[in-house]
Amino acid sequence: MNVALRALRTLGGVPRSKVRYDNLKAAVARVLGVSRARAEAGRWIAFKSHYGIEGAHEKSGVEGMIGYFRRNYFVLVPEVSSLAELNEMVEQWDRQDDARRIGARSKTVAECFALE
């Protein structure tokens, strides 16, 4: 299964609003000068058009979540026999993370995701 279809399956379908990303190589062909403007990759543009979604460059939020996940699940590198096994572990960790509350927020990660 390709990465995009795996992501949509994990998300439970096509997002109704924006897909947030950092300088994801698959999405950003190049950063334009010193500005925050990005030239998007052709396949990313086709993907967004096909599924009717918007993209949103959001550096800090994306980097923060990646850092959190890496520190909490990959500091000791998991020992696996296949990429499929690692993907299953990541999906399990992601499901466990749904119950987490960020700071003093009243809603869980899953509840916030459902609203978004």
C-alpha atoms as a PDB file:
ATOM      1  CA  MET A   1       0.000   0.000   0.000  1.00  0.00           C
ATOM      2  CA  ASN A   2       1.460   3.386  -0.872  1.00  0.00           C
ATOM      3  CA  VAL A   3       2.159   5.993   1.778  1.00  0.00           C
ATOM      4  CA  ALA A   4      -0.713   8.307   0.826  1.00  0.00           C
ATOM      5  CA  LEU A   5      -3.319   5.543   0.959  1.00  0.00           C
ATOM      6  CA  ARG A   6      -1.910   4.280   4.277  1.00  0.00           C
ATOM      7  CA  ALA A   7      -2.157   7.821   5.666  1.00  0.00           C
ATOM      8  CA  LEU A   8      -5.768   8.214   4.522  1.00  0.00           C
ATOM      9  CA  ARG A   9      -6.656   4.825   6.012  1.00  0.00           C
ATOM     10  CA  THR A  10      -5.019   5.804   9.299  1.00  0.00           C
ATOM     11  CA  LEU A  11      -6.835   9.151   9.279  1.00  0.00           C
ATOM     12  CA  GLY A  12     -10.158   7.421   8.672  1.00  0.00           C
ATOM     13  CA  GLY A  13     -10.724   9.036   5.290  1.00  0.00           C
ATOM     14  CA  VAL A  14      -9.925  12.210   3.418  1.00  0.00           C
ATOM     15  CA  PRO A  15      -9.425  15.296   5.633  1.00  0.00           C
ATOM     16  CA  ARG A  16     -12.179  17.888   5.324  1.00  0.00           C
ATOM     17  CA  SER A  17      -9.849  20.824   5.848  1.00  0.00           C
ATOM     18  CA  LYS A  18      -6.125  21.450   5.588  1.00  0.00           C
ATOM     19  CA  VAL A  19      -3.310  18.915   5.637  1.00  0.00           C
ATOM     20  CA  ARG A  20      -0.499  20.440   7.653  1.00  0.00           C
ATOM     21  CA  TYR A  21       3.084  19.765   6.625  1.00  0.00           C
ATOM     22  CA  ASP A  22       6.600  21.051   7.130  1.00  0.00           C
ATOM     23  CA  ASN A  23       9.036  21.089   4.201  1.00  0.00           C
ATOM     24  CA  LEU A  24       7.948  17.587   3.257  1.00  0.00           C
ATOM     25  CA  LYS A  25       9.931  16.738   0.122  1.00  0.00           C
ATOM     26  CA  ALA A  26       6.903  15.074  -1.445  1.00  0.00           C
ATOM     27  CA  ALA A  27       4.917  18.319  -1.015  1.00  0.00           C
ATOM     28  CA  VAL A  28       7.486  21.111  -1.357  1.00  0.00           C
ATOM     29  CA  ALA A  29       9.503  21.324  -4.558  1.00  0.00           C
ATOM     30  CA  ARG A  30      11.526  24.274  -3.228  1.00  0.00           C
ATOM     31  CA  VAL A  31      11.471  27.091  -0.707  1.00  0.00           C
ATOM     32  CA  LEU A  32      11.361  30.464  -2.441  1.00  0.00           C
ATOM     33  CA  GLY A  33      14.162  32.693  -1.158  1.00  0.00           C
ATOM     34  CA  VAL A  34      14.110  33.884   2.444  1.00  0.00           C
ATOM     35  CA  SER A  35      10.326  34.180   2.491  1.00  0.00           C
ATOM     36  CA  ARG A  36       8.059  31.458   3.843  1.00  0.00           C
ATOM     37  CA  ALA A  37       6.622  30.903   0.359  1.00  0.00           C
ATOM     38  CA  ARG A  38       6.878  27.378  -1.079  1.00  0.00           C
ATOM     39  CA  ALA A  39       6.670  26.007  -4.592  1.00  0.00           C
ATOM     40  CA  GLU A  40       4.645  22.828  -4.254  1.00  0.00           C
ATOM     41  CA  ALA A  41       5.601  19.607  -6.015  1.00  0.00           C
ATOM     42  CA  GLY A  42       3.477  18.539  -8.981  1.00  0.00           C
ATOM     43  CA  ARG A  43       2.452  15.190  -7.467  1.00  0.00           C
ATOM     44  CA  TRP A  44       1.398  16.952  -4.221  1.00  0.00           C
ATOM     45  CA  ILE A  45      -0.735  19.380  -6.253  1.00  0.00           C
ATOM     46  CA  ALA A  46      -2.304  16.432  -8.122  1.00  0.00           C
ATOM     47  CA  PHE A  47      -2.910  14.561  -4.828  1.00  0.00           C
ATOM     48  CA  LYS A  48      -4.615  17.604  -3.249  1.00  0.00           C
ATOM     49  CA  SER A  49      -6.702  18.192  -6.363  1.00  0.00           C
ATOM     50  CA  HIS A  50      -7.768  14.555  -6.619  1.00  0.00           C
ATOM     51  CA  TYR A  51      -8.954  14.419  -2.998  1.00  0.00           C
ATOM     52  CA  GLY A  52     -10.200  18.016  -2.810  1.00  0.00           C
ATOM     53  CA  ILE A  53      -8.044  19.033   0.159  1.00  0.00           C
ATOM     54  CA  GLU A  54      -5.956  22.060   0.997  1.00  0.00           C
ATOM     55  CA  GLY A  55      -2.350  22.086   2.116  1.00  0.00           C
ATOM     56  CA  ALA A  56      -0.967  24.328   4.846  1.00  0.00           C
ATOM     57  CA  HIS A  57       2.703  24.823   5.585  1.00  0.00           C
ATOM     58  CA  GLU A  58       3.011  24.768   9.365  1.00  0.00           C
ATOM     59  CA  LYS A  59       6.543  24.320  10.610  1.00  0.00           C
ATOM     60  CA  SER A  60       6.333  24.466  14.410  1.00  0.00           C
ATOM     61  CA  GLY A  61       3.235  22.339  14.966  1.00  0.00           C
ATOM     62  CA  VAL A  62       4.449  19.575  12.674  1.00  0.00           C
ATOM     63  CA  GLU A  63       7.990  19.604  14.070  1.00  0.00           C
ATOM     64  CA  GLY A  64       6.700  19.611  17.653  1.00  0.00           C
ATOM     65  CA  MET A  65       4.561  16.512  17.141  1.00  0.00           C
ATOM     66  CA  ILE A  66       7.315  14.678  15.264  1.00  0.00           C
ATOM     67  CA  GLY A  67       9.729  15.490  18.100  1.00  0.00           C
ATOM     68  CA  TYR A  68       7.258  14.311  20.749  1.00  0.00           C
ATOM     69  CA  PHE A  69       6.634  11.040  18.922  1.00  0.00           C
ATOM     70  CA  ARG A  70      10.350  10.434  18.291  1.00  0.00           C
ATOM     71  CA  ARG A  71      11.345  11.112  21.913  1.00  0.00           C
ATOM     72  CA  ASN A  72       8.579   8.934  23.326  1.00  0.00           C
ATOM     73  CA  TYR A  73       8.696   5.982  20.939  1.00  0.00           C
ATOM     74  CA  PHE A  74      12.024   5.958  19.078  1.00  0.00           C
ATOM     75  CA  VAL A  75      14.648   7.000  21.650  1.00  0.00           C
ATOM     76  CA  LEU A  76      15.382   3.303  22.086  1.00  0.00           C
ATOM     77  CA  VAL A  77      15.273   2.112  18.492  1.00  0.00           C
ATOM     78  CA  PRO A  78      12.596  -0.574  18.175  1.00  0.00           C
ATOM     79  CA  GLU A  79      13.840  -3.989  17.121  1.00  0.00           C
ATOM     80  CA  VAL A  80      11.662  -5.353  14.359  1.00  0.00           C
ATOM     81  CA  SER A  81      12.011  -7.983  11.682  1.00  0.00           C
ATOM     82  CA  SER A  82      10.214  -6.045   8.948  1.00  0.00           C
ATOM     83  CA  LEU A  83       8.913  -2.653   7.915  1.00  0.00           C
ATOM     84  CA  ALA A  84       5.379  -4.047   8.218  1.00  0.00           C
ATOM     85  CA  GLU A  85       6.040  -4.895  11.873  1.00  0.00           C
ATOM     86  CA  LEU A  86       7.373  -1.390  12.521  1.00  0.00           C
ATOM     87  CA  ASN A  87       4.347   0.167  10.798  1.00  0.00           C
ATOM     88  CA  GLU A  88       2.029  -1.880  13.024  1.00  0.00           C
ATOM     89  CA  MET A  89       3.910  -0.707  16.126  1.00  0.00           C
ATOM     90  CA  VAL A  90       3.640   2.933  15.006  1.00  0.00           C
ATOM     91  CA  GLU A  91      -0.096   2.532  14.373  1.00  0.00           C
ATOM     92  CA  GLN A  92      -0.521   1.021  17.858  1.00  0.00           C
ATOM     93  CA  TRP A  93       1.409   3.897  19.474  1.00  0.00           C
ATOM     94  CA  ASP A  94      -0.702   6.365  17.522  1.00  0.00           C
ATOM     95  CA  ARG A  95      -3.916   4.744  18.815  1.00  0.00           C
ATOM     96  CA  GLN A  96      -2.562   4.876  22.393  1.00  0.00           C
ATOM     97  CA  ASP A  97      -1.692   8.545  21.943  1.00  0.00           C
ATOM     98  CA  ASP A  98      -5.326   9.325  21.132  1.00  0.00           C
ATOM     99  CA  ALA A  99      -6.136   9.226  24.870  1.00  0.00           C
ATOM    100  CA  ARG A 100      -3.429  11.776  25.763  1.00  0.00           C
ATOM    101  CA  ARG A 101      -4.301  15.313  26.850  1.00  0.00           C
ATOM    102  CA  ILE A 102      -1.908  18.082  25.862  1.00  0.00           C
ATOM    103  CA  GLY A 103      -1.140  20.293  28.840  1.00  0.00           C
ATOM    104  CA  ALA A 104      -4.300  21.377  30.649  1.00  0.00           C
ATOM    105  CA  ARG A 105      -6.591  20.998  27.622  1.00  0.00           C
ATOM    106  CA  SER A 106      -9.959  19.478  28.384  1.00  0.00           C
ATOM    107  CA  LYS A 107     -10.086  17.344  25.242  1.00  0.00           C
ATOM    108  CA  THR A 108      -7.936  14.352  24.317  1.00  0.00           C
ATOM    109  CA  VAL A 109      -5.813  14.205  21.178  1.00  0.00           C
ATOM    110  CA  ALA A 110      -8.519  12.063  19.528  1.00  0.00           C
ATOM    111  CA  GLU A 111     -11.291  14.515  20.480  1.00  0.00           C
ATOM    112  CA  CYS A 112      -9.313  17.453  19.074  1.00  0.00           C
ATOM    113  CA  PHE A 113      -8.561  15.459  15.919  1.00  0.00           C
ATOM    114  CA  ALA A 114     -12.257  14.671  15.443  1.00  0.00           C
ATOM    115  CA  LEU A 115     -13.105  18.383  15.685  1.00  0.00           C
ATOM    116  CA  GLU A 116     -10.378  19.297  13.255  1.00  0.00           C
END
